[in-house]
Amino acid sequence: MRLSVRGEYALRAMLALGLHAGESVVRIQAVADEQRIPKRFLEQILNDLKDAGVVTSRRGVQGGYRLARPPGEISLAEIIRHIDGPLAPVSCVSEKFYEPCTCPDESRCGIRSVMREVRDAVSDMLEGVTLAELCRRTRLLAQVREVPGPDYMI
């Protein structure tokens, strides 16, 4: 699995909406500025996320976006799969995007066996981390002071 720029921006946009959960809507310009995402690209990504059912929008002067569900019900895996596709490194081990292998015997392929373990580890990790957890970590990291490096003199 490789996270594309589009996938990274989707996670960052969802993080911004998660950090503002409880507000009626968040203006797209505010998300673009806060996360340093080009506005036009962000509009496309948020429309895709709307199609996935993870965000909703309101049009007009007071318009914007918000989460469609509580942050604790949205996994990072759900977001990434919708934007970037399968989490599996090869399609023959993907549970949601399976395509047959090109190897001679799929059932006895050592490469496939290893790639299945990689898929399981990545999937378990990303399924287990919700947007709520990502927001919690972000808030915690914002509170941590920068630790002086070895060149720091007192």
N, C-alpha and C. Protein backbone atom coordinates (compact mmCIF):
# COMPACT_ATOMS: atom_id res chain seq x y z
N MET A 1 0.84 -1.18 0.00
CA MET A 1 0.00 0.00 0.00
C MET A 1 0.88 1.24 0.00
N ARG A 2 0.55 2.16 -0.85
CA ARG A 2 1.23 3.45 -0.87
C ARG A 2 0.16 4.52 -0.82
N LEU A 3 0.29 5.41 0.14
CA LEU A 3 -0.66 6.50 0.28
C LEU A 3 -0.32 7.58 -0.73
N SER A 4 -1.28 7.91 -1.57
CA SER A 4 -1.08 8.95 -2.57
C SER A 4 -1.21 10.33 -1.90
N VAL A 5 -0.85 11.36 -2.62
CA VAL A 5 -1.04 12.73 -2.13
C VAL A 5 -2.53 12.95 -1.88
N ARG A 6 -3.35 12.45 -2.77
CA ARG A 6 -4.80 12.56 -2.62
C ARG A 6 -5.26 11.89 -1.32
N GLY A 7 -4.70 10.71 -1.04
CA GLY A 7 -5.04 9.99 0.19
C GLY A 7 -4.58 10.74 1.43
N GLU A 8 -3.37 11.30 1.37
CA GLU A 8 -2.86 12.09 2.49
C GLU A 8 -3.74 13.32 2.73
N TYR A 9 -4.09 14.01 1.65
CA TYR A 9 -4.96 15.19 1.79
C TYR A 9 -6.33 14.80 2.34
N ALA A 10 -6.85 13.64 1.94
CA ALA A 10 -8.14 13.19 2.45
C ALA A 10 -8.06 12.97 3.96
N LEU A 11 -6.98 12.34 4.42
CA LEU A 11 -6.81 12.14 5.85
C LEU A 11 -6.69 13.47 6.58
N ARG A 12 -5.94 14.38 6.01
CA ARG A 12 -5.77 15.70 6.64
C ARG A 12 -7.08 16.48 6.67
N ALA A 13 -7.86 16.38 5.61
CA ALA A 13 -9.16 17.06 5.58
C ALA A 13 -10.09 16.45 6.63
N MET A 14 -10.09 15.13 6.72
CA MET A 14 -10.93 14.47 7.72
C MET A 14 -10.47 14.81 9.13
N LEU A 15 -9.16 14.93 9.32
CA LEU A 15 -8.62 15.35 10.62
C LEU A 15 -9.14 16.74 10.98
N ALA A 16 -9.09 17.65 10.03
CA ALA A 16 -9.57 19.02 10.28
C ALA A 16 -11.05 19.00 10.65
N LEU A 17 -11.85 18.22 9.94
CA LEU A 17 -13.28 18.13 10.26
C LEU A 17 -13.48 17.46 11.61
N GLY A 18 -12.67 16.46 11.91
CA GLY A 18 -12.76 15.79 13.20
C GLY A 18 -12.42 16.71 14.36
N LEU A 19 -11.40 17.53 14.16
CA LEU A 19 -11.00 18.48 15.21
C LEU A 19 -12.08 19.54 15.45
N HIS A 20 -12.94 19.75 14.44
CA HIS A 20 -14.03 20.72 14.56
C HIS A 20 -15.39 20.03 14.69
N ALA A 21 -15.37 18.75 15.05
CA ALA A 21 -16.63 18.01 15.21
C ALA A 21 -17.47 18.71 16.27
N GLY A 22 -18.74 18.77 16.03
CA GLY A 22 -19.63 19.47 16.95
C GLY A 22 -20.02 20.84 16.43
N GLU A 23 -19.20 21.39 15.54
CA GLU A 23 -19.58 22.66 14.90
C GLU A 23 -20.58 22.33 13.80
N SER A 24 -21.38 23.32 13.42
CA SER A 24 -22.39 23.04 12.40
C SER A 24 -21.74 22.63 11.09
N VAL A 25 -20.85 23.46 10.57
CA VAL A 25 -20.07 23.11 9.37
C VAL A 25 -18.73 23.84 9.45
N VAL A 26 -17.78 23.34 8.68
CA VAL A 26 -16.47 23.99 8.57
C VAL A 26 -16.33 24.44 7.12
N ARG A 27 -16.00 25.68 6.94
CA ARG A 27 -15.84 26.22 5.58
C ARG A 27 -14.65 25.57 4.90
N ILE A 28 -14.79 25.32 3.61
CA ILE A 28 -13.74 24.65 2.86
C ILE A 28 -12.45 25.47 2.86
N GLN A 29 -12.56 26.78 2.83
CA GLN A 29 -11.36 27.63 2.85
C GLN A 29 -10.61 27.47 4.16
N ALA A 30 -11.33 27.30 5.25
CA ALA A 30 -10.69 27.11 6.57
C ALA A 30 -9.90 25.81 6.59
N VAL A 31 -10.47 24.74 6.03
CA VAL A 31 -9.76 23.45 5.96
C VAL A 31 -8.54 23.58 5.06
N ALA A 32 -8.71 24.21 3.91
CA ALA A 32 -7.60 24.40 2.97
C ALA A 32 -6.45 25.17 3.62
N ASP A 33 -6.78 26.25 4.32
CA ASP A 33 -5.75 27.06 4.97
C ASP A 33 -5.09 26.31 6.12
N GLU A 34 -5.90 25.69 6.96
CA GLU A 34 -5.39 24.99 8.14
C GLU A 34 -4.48 23.82 7.76
N GLN A 35 -4.84 23.11 6.71
CA GLN A 35 -4.10 21.91 6.33
C GLN A 35 -3.17 22.12 5.12
N ARG A 36 -3.15 23.32 4.60
CA ARG A 36 -2.30 23.66 3.44
C ARG A 36 -2.57 22.72 2.26
N ILE A 37 -3.84 22.65 1.91
CA ILE A 37 -4.29 21.85 0.77
C ILE A 37 -4.86 22.80 -0.27
N PRO A 38 -4.46 22.66 -1.54
CA PRO A 38 -5.05 23.52 -2.58
C PRO A 38 -6.58 23.37 -2.58
N LYS A 39 -7.27 24.50 -2.57
CA LYS A 39 -8.73 24.50 -2.42
C LYS A 39 -9.44 23.68 -3.50
N ARG A 40 -9.04 23.84 -4.74
CA ARG A 40 -9.73 23.10 -5.82
C ARG A 40 -9.56 21.60 -5.66
N PHE A 41 -8.36 21.17 -5.26
CA PHE A 41 -8.09 19.76 -5.04
C PHE A 41 -8.92 19.27 -3.84
N LEU A 42 -8.98 20.08 -2.80
CA LEU A 42 -9.75 19.74 -1.61
C LEU A 42 -11.24 19.58 -1.93
N GLU A 43 -11.77 20.44 -2.79
CA GLU A 43 -13.17 20.34 -3.19
C GLU A 43 -13.46 18.98 -3.82
N GLN A 44 -12.57 18.52 -4.69
CA GLN A 44 -12.74 17.21 -5.33
C GLN A 44 -12.70 16.08 -4.29
N ILE A 45 -11.74 16.18 -3.39
CA ILE A 45 -11.58 15.14 -2.36
C ILE A 45 -12.81 15.10 -1.45
N LEU A 46 -13.28 16.27 -1.02
CA LEU A 46 -14.45 16.30 -0.14
C LEU A 46 -15.70 15.79 -0.85
N ASN A 47 -15.81 16.03 -2.14
CA ASN A 47 -16.94 15.46 -2.89
C ASN A 47 -16.86 13.94 -2.93
N ASP A 48 -15.65 13.40 -3.10
CA ASP A 48 -15.46 11.95 -3.06
C ASP A 48 -15.82 11.39 -1.68
N LEU A 49 -15.39 12.09 -0.64
CA LEU A 49 -15.70 11.64 0.72
C LEU A 49 -17.20 11.76 1.03
N LYS A 50 -17.85 12.71 0.38
CA LYS A 50 -19.31 12.84 0.51
C LYS A 50 -19.97 11.61 -0.13
N ASP A 51 -19.47 11.21 -1.29
CA ASP A 51 -20.00 10.01 -1.96
C ASP A 51 -19.80 8.76 -1.10
N ALA A 52 -18.72 8.75 -0.31
CA ALA A 52 -18.43 7.61 0.57
C ALA A 52 -19.31 7.62 1.81
N GLY A 53 -20.00 8.72 2.06
CA GLY A 53 -20.88 8.81 3.22
C GLY A 53 -20.18 9.16 4.52
N VAL A 54 -18.97 9.72 4.43
CA VAL A 54 -18.26 10.09 5.66
C VAL A 54 -18.35 11.58 5.96
N VAL A 55 -18.72 12.40 4.97
CA VAL A 55 -18.95 13.82 5.20
C VAL A 55 -20.27 14.23 4.57
N THR A 56 -20.81 15.32 5.07
CA THR A 56 -21.98 15.93 4.46
C THR A 56 -21.63 17.39 4.21
N SER A 57 -22.43 18.02 3.37
CA SER A 57 -22.15 19.42 3.06
C SER A 57 -23.43 20.25 3.14
N ARG A 58 -23.22 21.54 3.28
CA ARG A 58 -24.31 22.51 3.21
C ARG A 58 -23.86 23.60 2.27
N ARG A 59 -24.71 23.96 1.35
CA ARG A 59 -24.38 24.97 0.35
C ARG A 59 -24.72 26.37 0.85
N GLY A 60 -24.18 27.34 0.13
CA GLY A 60 -24.54 28.72 0.41
C GLY A 60 -23.49 29.47 1.21
N VAL A 61 -23.84 30.69 1.56
CA VAL A 61 -22.93 31.59 2.26
C VAL A 61 -22.48 30.98 3.59
N GLN A 62 -23.39 30.34 4.28
CA GLN A 62 -23.06 29.70 5.56
C GLN A 62 -22.73 28.22 5.38
N GLY A 63 -22.33 27.86 4.16
CA GLY A 63 -22.08 26.46 3.83
C GLY A 63 -20.72 25.96 4.26
N GLY A 64 -20.55 24.68 4.11
CA GLY A 64 -19.30 24.03 4.45
C GLY A 64 -19.51 22.53 4.57
N TYR A 65 -18.57 21.88 5.23
CA TYR A 65 -18.60 20.42 5.39
C TYR A 65 -18.54 20.06 6.86
N ARG A 66 -19.03 18.86 7.16
CA ARG A 66 -18.92 18.29 8.49
C ARG A 66 -18.94 16.77 8.37
N LEU A 67 -18.56 16.11 9.44
CA LEU A 67 -18.57 14.66 9.43
C LEU A 67 -20.00 14.14 9.39
N ALA A 68 -20.22 13.07 8.65
CA ALA A 68 -21.55 12.47 8.56
C ALA A 68 -21.82 11.55 9.75
N ARG A 69 -20.75 11.08 10.39
CA ARG A 69 -20.87 10.19 11.54
C ARG A 69 -19.90 10.65 12.62
N PRO A 70 -20.05 10.18 13.83
CA PRO A 70 -19.10 10.54 14.88
C PRO A 70 -17.68 10.08 14.50
N PRO A 71 -16.66 10.82 14.91
CA PRO A 71 -15.28 10.47 14.56
C PRO A 71 -14.87 9.07 15.01
N GLY A 72 -15.46 8.58 16.07
CA GLY A 72 -15.14 7.24 16.56
C GLY A 72 -15.68 6.12 15.70
N GLU A 73 -16.53 6.46 14.73
CA GLU A 73 -17.11 5.45 13.84
C GLU A 73 -16.48 5.45 12.45
N ILE A 74 -15.47 6.26 12.24
CA ILE A 74 -14.82 6.36 10.93
C ILE A 74 -13.36 5.90 11.07
N SER A 75 -13.03 4.80 10.41
CA SER A 75 -11.65 4.30 10.50
C SER A 75 -10.79 4.92 9.40
N LEU A 76 -9.51 4.96 9.65
CA LEU A 76 -8.59 5.45 8.62
C LEU A 76 -8.62 4.54 7.41
N ALA A 77 -8.82 3.23 7.64
CA ALA A 77 -8.89 2.28 6.53
C ALA A 77 -10.03 2.62 5.59
N GLU A 78 -11.18 3.00 6.14
CA GLU A 78 -12.34 3.36 5.32
C GLU A 78 -12.02 4.54 4.40
N ILE A 79 -11.36 5.54 4.95
CA ILE A 79 -11.01 6.73 4.18
C ILE A 79 -10.02 6.38 3.08
N ILE A 80 -8.95 5.68 3.45
CA ILE A 80 -7.90 5.35 2.48
C ILE A 80 -8.43 4.44 1.38
N ARG A 81 -9.22 3.43 1.76
CA ARG A 81 -9.77 2.53 0.73
C ARG A 81 -10.62 3.29 -0.27
N HIS A 82 -11.41 4.23 0.22
CA HIS A 82 -12.28 4.97 -0.70
C HIS A 82 -11.48 5.85 -1.66
N ILE A 83 -10.42 6.46 -1.17
CA ILE A 83 -9.64 7.38 -2.00
C ILE A 83 -8.58 6.66 -2.83
N ASP A 84 -7.83 5.74 -2.20
CA ASP A 84 -6.68 5.12 -2.87
C ASP A 84 -6.90 3.66 -3.28
N GLY A 85 -8.01 3.05 -2.87
CA GLY A 85 -8.24 1.66 -3.23
C GLY A 85 -7.71 0.70 -2.19
N PRO A 86 -7.29 -0.49 -2.62
CA PRO A 86 -6.95 -1.55 -1.68
C PRO A 86 -5.75 -1.23 -0.80
N LEU A 87 -5.77 -1.81 0.40
CA LEU A 87 -4.65 -1.70 1.32
C LEU A 87 -3.59 -2.76 1.03
N ALA A 88 -3.97 -3.78 0.29
CA ALA A 88 -3.07 -4.90 -0.01
C ALA A 88 -1.97 -4.47 -0.98
N PRO A 89 -0.74 -4.97 -0.76
CA PRO A 89 0.35 -4.62 -1.66
C PRO A 89 0.23 -5.26 -3.05
N VAL A 90 -0.46 -6.39 -3.15
CA VAL A 90 -0.73 -7.03 -4.44
C VAL A 90 -2.20 -7.42 -4.48
N SER A 91 -2.80 -7.36 -5.65
CA SER A 91 -4.26 -7.54 -5.75
C SER A 91 -4.73 -8.95 -5.44
N CYS A 92 -3.86 -9.96 -5.55
CA CYS A 92 -4.31 -11.33 -5.29
C CYS A 92 -4.52 -11.63 -3.81
N VAL A 93 -4.15 -10.71 -2.92
CA VAL A 93 -4.41 -10.90 -1.49
C VAL A 93 -5.43 -9.90 -0.96
N SER A 94 -5.95 -9.06 -1.81
CA SER A 94 -6.92 -8.06 -1.39
C SER A 94 -8.27 -8.72 -1.12
N GLU A 95 -8.86 -8.39 0.03
CA GLU A 95 -10.18 -8.94 0.35
C GLU A 95 -11.30 -8.19 -0.36
N LYS A 96 -11.11 -6.90 -0.59
CA LYS A 96 -12.17 -6.10 -1.19
C LYS A 96 -11.95 -5.82 -2.68
N PHE A 97 -10.71 -5.98 -3.16
CA PHE A 97 -10.37 -5.66 -4.55
C PHE A 97 -9.59 -6.82 -5.19
N TYR A 98 -9.97 -8.06 -4.90
CA TYR A 98 -9.24 -9.24 -5.37
C TYR A 98 -9.18 -9.33 -6.89
N GLU A 99 -8.00 -9.66 -7.38
CA GLU A 99 -7.78 -10.02 -8.78
C GLU A 99 -6.85 -11.22 -8.77
N PRO A 100 -7.04 -12.19 -9.67
CA PRO A 100 -6.21 -13.40 -9.67
C PRO A 100 -4.72 -13.08 -9.87
N CYS A 101 -3.90 -13.95 -9.27
CA CYS A 101 -2.44 -13.82 -9.39
C CYS A 101 -1.98 -14.19 -10.80
N THR A 102 -0.78 -13.74 -11.11
CA THR A 102 -0.15 -14.17 -12.36
C THR A 102 0.84 -15.30 -12.09
N CYS A 103 1.01 -15.67 -10.82
CA CYS A 103 1.96 -16.74 -10.49
C CYS A 103 1.38 -18.09 -10.92
N PRO A 104 2.24 -19.12 -11.07
CA PRO A 104 1.77 -20.42 -11.57
C PRO A 104 0.76 -21.13 -10.66
N ASP A 105 0.91 -21.02 -9.32
CA ASP A 105 0.01 -21.70 -8.40
C ASP A 105 -0.26 -20.79 -7.21
N GLU A 106 -1.36 -20.10 -7.25
CA GLU A 106 -1.71 -19.12 -6.23
C GLU A 106 -1.71 -19.71 -4.82
N SER A 107 -2.19 -20.95 -4.66
CA SER A 107 -2.30 -21.54 -3.34
C SER A 107 -0.95 -21.91 -2.72
N ARG A 108 0.09 -22.00 -3.54
CA ARG A 108 1.42 -22.39 -3.03
C ARG A 108 2.47 -21.30 -3.26
N CYS A 109 2.02 -20.08 -3.42
CA CYS A 109 2.93 -18.97 -3.72
C CYS A 109 3.45 -18.35 -2.42
N GLY A 110 4.74 -18.45 -2.21
CA GLY A 110 5.36 -17.88 -1.02
C GLY A 110 5.24 -16.37 -0.95
N ILE A 111 5.37 -15.72 -2.11
CA ILE A 111 5.24 -14.26 -2.16
C ILE A 111 3.85 -13.85 -1.71
N ARG A 112 2.86 -14.55 -2.23
CA ARG A 112 1.47 -14.25 -1.86
C ARG A 112 1.26 -14.43 -0.36
N SER A 113 1.86 -15.47 0.20
CA SER A 113 1.74 -15.74 1.63
C SER A 113 2.29 -14.56 2.46
N VAL A 114 3.45 -14.06 2.08
CA VAL A 114 4.04 -12.92 2.79
C VAL A 114 3.20 -11.67 2.59
N MET A 115 2.75 -11.43 1.37
CA MET A 115 1.95 -10.24 1.08
C MET A 115 0.62 -10.26 1.82
N ARG A 116 0.07 -11.45 2.06
CA ARG A 116 -1.16 -11.56 2.85
C ARG A 116 -0.90 -11.10 4.29
N GLU A 117 0.25 -11.47 4.84
CA GLU A 117 0.60 -11.03 6.19
C GLU A 117 0.79 -9.51 6.24
N VAL A 118 1.41 -8.96 5.20
CA VAL A 118 1.57 -7.50 5.13
C VAL A 118 0.20 -6.84 5.07
N ARG A 119 -0.68 -7.35 4.22
CA ARG A 119 -2.04 -6.81 4.11
C ARG A 119 -2.76 -6.86 5.45
N ASP A 120 -2.65 -8.00 6.14
CA ASP A 120 -3.33 -8.15 7.43
C ASP A 120 -2.82 -7.15 8.46
N ALA A 121 -1.50 -6.96 8.51
CA ALA A 121 -0.92 -6.02 9.48
C ALA A 121 -1.36 -4.59 9.20
N VAL A 122 -1.30 -4.19 7.93
CA VAL A 122 -1.69 -2.83 7.54
C VAL A 122 -3.19 -2.63 7.79
N SER A 123 -3.98 -3.58 7.37
CA SER A 123 -5.42 -3.48 7.53
C SER A 123 -5.81 -3.43 9.01
N ASP A 124 -5.23 -4.31 9.82
CA ASP A 124 -5.55 -4.31 11.25
C ASP A 124 -5.21 -2.97 11.89
N MET A 125 -4.07 -2.43 11.53
CA MET A 125 -3.64 -1.15 12.10
C MET A 125 -4.60 -0.03 11.70
N LEU A 126 -4.89 0.08 10.40
CA LEU A 126 -5.72 1.18 9.91
C LEU A 126 -7.20 1.02 10.27
N GLU A 127 -7.68 -0.22 10.39
CA GLU A 127 -9.06 -0.46 10.84
C GLU A 127 -9.19 -0.10 12.32
N GLY A 128 -8.10 -0.28 13.07
CA GLY A 128 -8.13 -0.04 14.51
C GLY A 128 -7.96 1.41 14.91
N VAL A 129 -7.57 2.25 13.98
CA VAL A 129 -7.39 3.67 14.30
C VAL A 129 -8.56 4.45 13.70
N THR A 130 -9.32 5.08 14.59
CA THR A 130 -10.46 5.88 14.13
C THR A 130 -10.04 7.33 14.01
N LEU A 131 -10.90 8.09 13.40
CA LEU A 131 -10.67 9.52 13.28
C LEU A 131 -10.62 10.17 14.67
N ALA A 132 -11.38 9.64 15.60
CA ALA A 132 -11.34 10.16 16.98
C ALA A 132 -9.94 9.96 17.58
N GLU A 133 -9.35 8.79 17.34
CA GLU A 133 -8.00 8.53 17.85
C GLU A 133 -6.98 9.43 17.17
N LEU A 134 -7.12 9.64 15.88
CA LEU A 134 -6.22 10.54 15.16
C LEU A 134 -6.31 11.96 15.72
N CYS A 135 -7.53 12.42 16.01
CA CYS A 135 -7.71 13.75 16.61
C CYS A 135 -7.09 13.80 18.00
N ARG A 136 -7.28 12.74 18.78
CA ARG A 136 -6.70 12.69 20.13
C ARG A 136 -5.18 12.80 20.06
N ARG A 137 -4.57 12.04 19.17
CA ARG A 137 -3.11 12.07 19.01
C ARG A 137 -2.64 13.44 18.56
N THR A 138 -3.37 14.04 17.65
CA THR A 138 -3.00 15.37 17.14
C THR A 138 -3.05 16.40 18.26
N ARG A 139 -4.10 16.37 19.06
CA ARG A 139 -4.20 17.30 20.19
C ARG A 139 -3.08 17.08 21.19
N LEU A 140 -2.77 15.82 21.46
CA LEU A 140 -1.71 15.50 22.40
C LEU A 140 -0.36 15.99 21.88
N LEU A 141 -0.08 15.76 20.62
CA LEU A 141 1.18 16.20 20.03
C LEU A 141 1.30 17.72 19.99
N ALA A 142 0.18 18.41 19.87
CA ALA A 142 0.20 19.87 19.86
C ALA A 142 0.60 20.42 21.23
N GLN A 143 0.41 19.63 22.28
CA GLN A 143 0.75 20.07 23.63
C GLN A 143 2.21 19.80 23.99
N VAL A 144 2.85 18.90 23.27
CA VAL A 144 4.23 18.51 23.58
C VAL A 144 5.17 19.63 23.16
N ARG A 145 6.01 20.03 24.07
CA ARG A 145 7.00 21.06 23.75
C ARG A 145 8.16 20.42 23.00
N GLU A 146 8.75 21.20 22.16
CA GLU A 146 9.90 20.71 21.41
C GLU A 146 11.04 20.45 22.39
N VAL A 147 11.62 19.27 22.29
CA VAL A 147 12.73 18.89 23.16
C VAL A 147 14.02 19.40 22.55
N PRO A 148 14.86 20.05 23.35
CA PRO A 148 16.13 20.56 22.81
C PRO A 148 17.00 19.42 22.29
N GLY A 149 17.70 19.68 21.20
CA GLY A 149 18.61 18.70 20.62
C GLY A 149 19.93 18.65 21.37
N PRO A 150 20.85 17.79 20.93
CA PRO A 150 22.12 17.62 21.63
C PRO A 150 23.00 18.87 21.61
N ASP A 151 22.76 19.78 20.69
CA ASP A 151 23.57 21.00 20.59
C ASP A 151 23.06 22.10 21.52
N TYR A 152 21.96 21.82 22.20
CA TYR A 152 21.35 22.82 23.08
C TYR A 152 22.25 23.06 24.29
N MET A 153 22.54 24.29 24.58
CA MET A 153 23.39 24.64 25.72
C MET A 153 22.55 25.36 26.76
N ILE A 154 22.74 25.03 27.99
CA ILE A 154 22.02 25.68 29.08
C ILE A 154 22.79 26.87 29.57
